[in-house]
Protein backbone atom coordinates (compact mmCIF):
# COMPACT_ATOMS: atom_id res chain seq x y z
CA UNK A 1 34.96 -24.41 16.10
CA UNK A 2 34.58 -21.75 12.92
CA UNK A 3 34.50 -18.36 13.83
CA UNK A 4 30.64 -16.67 12.67
CA UNK A 5 31.43 -14.74 10.08
CA UNK A 6 30.36 -11.06 11.18
CA UNK A 7 28.36 -9.39 8.34
CA UNK A 8 28.62 -5.84 7.73
CA UNK A 9 25.93 -3.24 7.48
CA UNK A 10 25.16 -1.79 3.98
CA UNK A 11 24.78 2.21 4.05
CA UNK A 12 21.69 1.87 2.60
CA UNK A 13 20.68 -0.55 5.23
CA UNK A 14 22.37 1.64 8.33
CA UNK A 15 20.31 4.55 6.66
CA UNK A 16 16.82 2.65 6.49
CA UNK A 17 17.41 1.83 10.18
CA UNK A 18 17.98 5.09 11.17
CA UNK A 19 14.42 6.24 9.22
CA UNK A 20 13.16 3.75 11.44
CA UNK A 21 12.59 0.60 8.86
CA UNK A 22 13.46 -2.88 9.18
CA UNK A 23 14.12 -5.58 7.52
CA UNK A 24 10.99 -6.47 6.59
CA UNK A 25 9.99 -2.74 4.92
CA UNK A 26 13.18 -2.18 2.99
CA UNK A 27 10.93 -2.14 0.18
CA UNK A 28 9.19 0.54 1.29
CA UNK A 29 12.11 2.78 2.77
CA UNK A 30 13.72 2.17 -0.90
CA UNK A 31 10.65 3.68 -2.07
CA UNK A 32 11.18 6.90 -0.57
CA UNK A 33 14.54 7.36 -2.74
CA UNK A 34 12.70 6.51 -6.20
CA UNK A 35 13.83 2.78 -6.00
CA UNK A 36 10.34 0.91 -7.22
CA UNK A 37 11.70 -2.85 -7.83
CA UNK A 38 11.78 -5.35 -4.29
CA UNK A 39 14.65 -6.86 -6.36
CA UNK A 40 16.81 -3.73 -6.55
CA UNK A 41 15.57 -3.13 -2.93
CA UNK A 42 16.91 -6.28 -1.85
CA UNK A 43 20.35 -5.89 -3.68
CA UNK A 44 20.63 -2.45 -2.07
CA UNK A 45 19.85 -3.57 1.46
CA UNK A 46 22.66 -7.03 0.84
CA UNK A 47 25.28 -5.14 -0.82
CA UNK A 48 24.56 -6.73 -4.18
CA UNK A 49 24.51 -3.15 -5.91
CA UNK A 50 26.76 0.24 -4.60
CA UNK A 51 24.39 2.93 -4.19
CA UNK A 52 24.82 5.65 -6.65
CA UNK A 53 25.42 9.30 -6.33
CA UNK A 54 22.12 9.64 -6.65
CA UNK A 55 20.38 7.81 -4.67
CA UNK A 56 23.17 8.94 -1.76
CA UNK A 57 21.79 12.52 -2.45
CA UNK A 58 18.01 11.28 -2.31
CA UNK A 59 18.69 9.37 0.80
CA UNK A 60 20.26 13.01 2.47
CA UNK A 61 17.73 14.51 1.71
CA UNK A 62 14.81 12.30 2.42
CA UNK A 63 17.08 12.22 5.83
CA UNK A 64 16.99 16.16 6.30
CA UNK A 65 13.47 16.09 5.86
CA UNK A 66 13.40 17.61 2.50
CA UNK A 67 10.58 17.73 0.14
CA UNK A 68 10.66 17.31 -4.00
CA UNK A 69 12.42 19.78 -5.14
CA UNK A 70 9.64 22.50 -7.43
CA UNK A 71 10.07 26.12 -7.78
CA UNK A 72 7.43 26.58 -4.62
CA UNK A 73 9.71 23.97 -2.95
CA UNK A 74 13.10 26.59 -3.83
CA UNK A 75 11.50 29.16 -2.10
CA UNK A 76 10.84 27.70 1.11
CA UNK A 77 14.53 26.00 0.88
CA UNK A 78 16.18 29.09 -0.19
CA UNK A 79 14.13 31.65 3.11
CA UNK A 80 15.10 29.09 5.33
CA UNK A 81 18.61 29.52 4.59
CA UNK A 82 19.22 26.24 3.20
CA UNK A 83 20.24 27.08 -0.25
CA UNK A 84 23.39 26.28 -1.90
CA UNK A 85 24.84 26.66 -5.46
CA UNK A 86 28.01 25.80 -7.03
CA UNK A 87 30.86 27.21 -8.97
CA UNK A 88 30.00 25.54 -12.44
């Protein structure tokens, strides 16, 4: 008897599930990080395309409850002690 293939969840799928989304709402999860097309959302969900660094950063920001960046948002982030900088 053939052994069933174990399908590893993609990082995007794990994140979406942690955010409370299921297979029926993957496109909605993708829109939170700026992915507008259902085809691309499906590829990320199934492993058909790797996540970019930008997408991973967006996922972290959404998971942490951060709002989209603006000068006003930066003031709130800084006053909450969550701002960091780099030695560029």
